[in-house]
């Protein structure tokens, strides 16, 4: 099956097909045609500059969750049948637009982009940052306000030195634990 078909598709938990076979009959649809059958959780990764793609793939494989890497290009496709690659048009926020349009209740989105996280939360998806911090409707407003404030400070003072710390092994471990917990929660949702 082409990567684009898998990336833009959904499946059903109760399809009765084997794990890998249930993705073969997928079609593109924008709503849940049968309200009694819940679509399968999908893991969407904003893959441009994402430091935890391998860790996300490990969790997706362990939990048998389809994973979609969304990027503008430059990422090698995985051999894992659960992982598909969606290459979007070049341009700012194209990957973000695609993820926000595709995600929904029960899905998990991995991103460091706070405006994308806000849109995904409004669509009903769970959102996790690269460092393992879960974003929720309760904390996204404050995070967006802080982001905007820091952007204004950097614009007002071009000599303002800032920047994050290096991504550590502890961050990877925290991310793995948080993603495993969040994905299991998403799988249990009605």
Protein backbone atom coordinates (compact mmCIF):
# COMPACT_ATOMS: atom_id res chain seq x y z
CA UNK A 1 0.00 0.00 0.00
CA UNK A 2 1.42 3.45 -0.88
CA UNK A 3 2.51 5.60 2.07
CA UNK A 4 0.06 8.35 1.12
CA UNK A 5 -2.91 5.96 1.34
CA UNK A 6 -1.91 4.74 4.78
CA UNK A 7 -1.20 8.25 6.00
CA UNK A 8 -4.59 9.63 5.07
CA UNK A 9 -6.64 6.71 6.28
CA UNK A 10 -8.24 5.33 9.39
CA UNK A 11 -9.21 1.85 10.52
CA UNK A 12 -11.61 0.20 12.94
CA UNK A 13 -10.75 -1.67 16.13
CA UNK A 14 -13.53 -4.16 15.52
CA UNK A 15 -12.73 -4.86 11.88
CA UNK A 16 -11.87 -8.46 12.72
CA UNK A 17 -8.85 -8.38 10.45
CA UNK A 18 -5.34 -9.13 11.53
CA UNK A 19 -3.34 -6.12 12.65
CA UNK A 20 -1.48 -5.52 9.37
CA UNK A 21 -4.37 -6.57 7.12
CA UNK A 22 -6.89 -4.12 8.54
CA UNK A 23 -4.98 -1.22 6.97
CA UNK A 24 -5.31 -2.67 3.47
CA UNK A 25 -9.01 -1.84 3.00
CA UNK A 26 -8.80 1.74 4.27
CA UNK A 27 -10.37 4.66 2.45
CA UNK A 28 -10.27 8.39 3.00
CA UNK A 29 -13.19 9.77 4.99
CA UNK A 30 -13.71 12.80 7.13
CA UNK A 31 -16.28 11.56 9.65
CA UNK A 32 -17.01 8.36 11.50
CA UNK A 33 -19.65 6.58 9.40
CA UNK A 34 -20.68 4.25 12.21
CA UNK A 35 -20.96 5.89 15.61
CA UNK A 36 -20.85 2.50 17.40
CA UNK A 37 -17.40 1.63 16.06
CA UNK A 38 -14.51 3.79 17.20
CA UNK A 39 -11.69 4.49 14.72
CA UNK A 40 -8.28 3.17 15.63
CA UNK A 41 -5.92 5.50 17.43
CA UNK A 42 -3.31 6.98 15.12
CA UNK A 43 -0.01 8.49 16.20
CA UNK A 44 0.84 11.62 14.20
CA UNK A 45 4.40 12.97 14.40
CA UNK A 46 5.35 16.47 13.27
CA UNK A 47 8.56 14.96 11.94
CA UNK A 48 10.53 17.99 10.75
CA UNK A 49 13.29 18.39 13.37
CA UNK A 50 11.66 15.86 15.72
CA UNK A 51 14.30 14.28 17.99
CA UNK A 52 12.11 11.36 19.14
CA UNK A 53 10.96 9.66 15.92
CA UNK A 54 12.69 6.39 16.79
CA UNK A 55 11.24 6.34 20.30
CA UNK A 56 7.74 7.03 18.95
CA UNK A 57 8.14 4.17 16.47
CA UNK A 58 9.13 1.81 19.28
CA UNK A 59 5.97 2.66 21.23
CA UNK A 60 3.75 2.48 18.12
CA UNK A 61 5.14 -0.96 17.30
CA UNK A 62 4.77 -2.24 20.85
CA UNK A 63 1.14 -1.07 21.06
CA UNK A 64 0.27 -1.89 17.42
CA UNK A 65 -0.72 1.69 16.60
CA UNK A 66 -0.33 3.13 13.09
CA UNK A 67 2.12 6.03 13.02
CA UNK A 68 2.28 8.80 10.42
CA UNK A 69 5.44 10.86 10.03
CA UNK A 70 4.46 14.20 8.46
CA UNK A 71 7.18 16.35 6.92
CA UNK A 72 8.22 18.51 3.98
CA UNK A 73 10.69 15.87 2.83
CA UNK A 74 14.18 14.73 3.65
CA UNK A 75 13.19 11.85 5.93
CA UNK A 76 13.91 8.27 5.00
CA UNK A 77 10.78 6.04 5.08
CA UNK A 78 10.69 3.34 7.73
CA UNK A 79 10.51 -0.36 6.87
CA UNK A 80 8.00 -0.83 9.68
CA UNK A 81 4.56 -1.63 8.19
CA UNK A 82 2.86 0.44 10.92
CA UNK A 83 4.81 3.57 10.01
CA UNK A 84 3.91 5.65 6.98
CA UNK A 85 5.43 8.84 5.66
CA UNK A 86 3.30 11.76 4.50
CA UNK A 87 5.25 14.35 2.54
CA UNK A 88 3.40 17.63 2.27
CA UNK A 89 4.07 20.61 0.02
CA UNK A 90 7.04 22.78 0.89
CA UNK A 91 6.13 25.86 2.81
CA UNK A 92 5.65 27.14 6.32
CA UNK A 93 3.11 25.25 8.41
CA UNK A 94 2.02 22.85 5.64
CA UNK A 95 2.74 19.82 7.83
CA UNK A 96 0.90 21.50 10.71
CA UNK A 97 -2.16 22.13 8.55
CA UNK A 98 -2.24 18.51 7.40
CA UNK A 99 -1.91 17.11 10.91
CA UNK A 100 -4.56 19.44 12.31
CA UNK A 101 -6.97 18.43 9.53
CA UNK A 102 -6.39 14.69 10.04
CA UNK A 103 -6.26 14.26 13.81
CA UNK A 104 -9.30 13.76 15.96
CA UNK A 105 -10.58 12.21 19.17
CA UNK A 106 -8.47 9.27 20.29
CA UNK A 107 -5.42 10.23 18.24
CA UNK A 108 -2.03 11.21 19.68
CA UNK A 109 0.03 14.03 18.17
CA UNK A 110 3.72 14.56 18.90
CA UNK A 111 4.88 18.11 18.26
CA UNK A 112 6.91 20.94 19.69
CA UNK A 113 4.76 23.49 17.84
CA UNK A 114 2.37 25.11 20.33
CA UNK A 115 -0.10 26.61 17.78
CA UNK A 116 -0.39 23.15 16.18
CA UNK A 117 -0.86 21.59 19.61
CA UNK A 118 -3.69 24.03 20.33
CA UNK A 119 -5.46 23.13 17.06
CA UNK A 120 -5.06 19.40 17.73
CA UNK A 121 -6.41 19.73 21.27
CA UNK A 122 -9.44 21.57 19.90
CA UNK A 123 -9.95 18.64 17.50
CA UNK A 124 -9.99 16.26 20.47
CA UNK A 125 -6.55 14.68 20.06
CA UNK A 126 -3.99 14.09 22.80
CA UNK A 127 -0.78 16.09 22.41
CA UNK A 128 2.70 15.31 23.69
CA UNK A 129 5.83 17.42 23.38
CA UNK A 130 9.27 16.00 22.58
CA UNK A 131 10.34 16.22 26.21
CA UNK A 132 7.38 14.13 27.42
CA UNK A 133 5.19 16.97 28.66
CA UNK A 134 1.53 16.43 27.87
CA UNK A 135 -0.37 19.45 26.64
CA UNK A 136 -4.01 19.73 27.67
CA UNK A 137 -6.80 22.26 27.21
CA UNK A 138 -6.02 23.39 30.78
CA UNK A 139 -2.34 24.24 30.18
CA UNK A 140 -2.13 25.20 26.49
CA UNK A 141 -3.35 28.78 27.02
CA UNK A 142 -0.55 29.61 29.45
CA UNK A 143 2.04 27.95 27.24
CA UNK A 144 0.88 29.96 24.21
CA UNK A 145 0.94 33.19 26.23
CA UNK A 146 4.50 32.49 27.41
CA UNK A 147 5.55 31.70 23.84
CA UNK A 148 4.10 34.98 22.59
CA UNK A 149 5.74 36.93 25.43
CA UNK A 150 9.16 35.43 24.70
CA UNK A 151 8.70 36.16 21.00
CA UNK A 152 7.99 39.81 21.85
CA UNK A 153 11.05 40.01 24.14
CA UNK A 154 13.31 38.57 21.42
CA UNK A 155 11.86 41.02 18.88
CA UNK A 156 12.42 44.00 21.20
CA UNK A 157 15.99 43.02 22.15
CA UNK A 158 17.95 41.44 19.31
CA UNK A 159 20.83 40.78 21.72
CA UNK A 160 18.65 38.74 24.11
CA UNK A 161 20.36 35.41 24.47
CA UNK A 162 18.03 32.52 24.87
CA UNK A 163 17.62 29.00 23.75
CA UNK A 164 16.82 25.66 25.15
CA UNK A 165 19.09 23.18 26.76
CA UNK A 166 20.40 20.15 24.91
CA UNK A 167 18.11 17.15 24.50
CA UNK A 168 19.27 14.51 26.99
CA UNK A 169 18.87 10.78 27.60
CA UNK A 170 16.62 11.65 30.52
CA UNK A 171 14.36 13.61 28.12
CA UNK A 172 14.16 10.56 25.82
CA UNK A 173 13.30 8.29 28.73
CA UNK A 174 10.66 10.71 30.02
CA UNK A 175 9.19 10.94 26.51
CA UNK A 176 9.01 7.13 26.15
CA UNK A 177 7.19 6.77 29.46
CA UNK A 178 4.80 9.62 28.73
CA UNK A 179 3.99 8.42 25.20
CA UNK A 180 3.37 4.87 26.37
CA UNK A 181 1.01 6.11 29.08
CA UNK A 182 -0.81 8.55 26.78
CA UNK A 183 -1.17 6.04 23.92
CA UNK A 184 -2.60 3.41 26.28
CA UNK A 185 -5.06 6.01 27.58
CA UNK A 186 -6.09 6.90 24.00
CA UNK A 187 -6.62 3.22 23.14
CA UNK A 188 -8.97 2.81 26.12
CA UNK A 189 -11.15 5.81 25.25
CA UNK A 190 -14.70 5.05 24.13
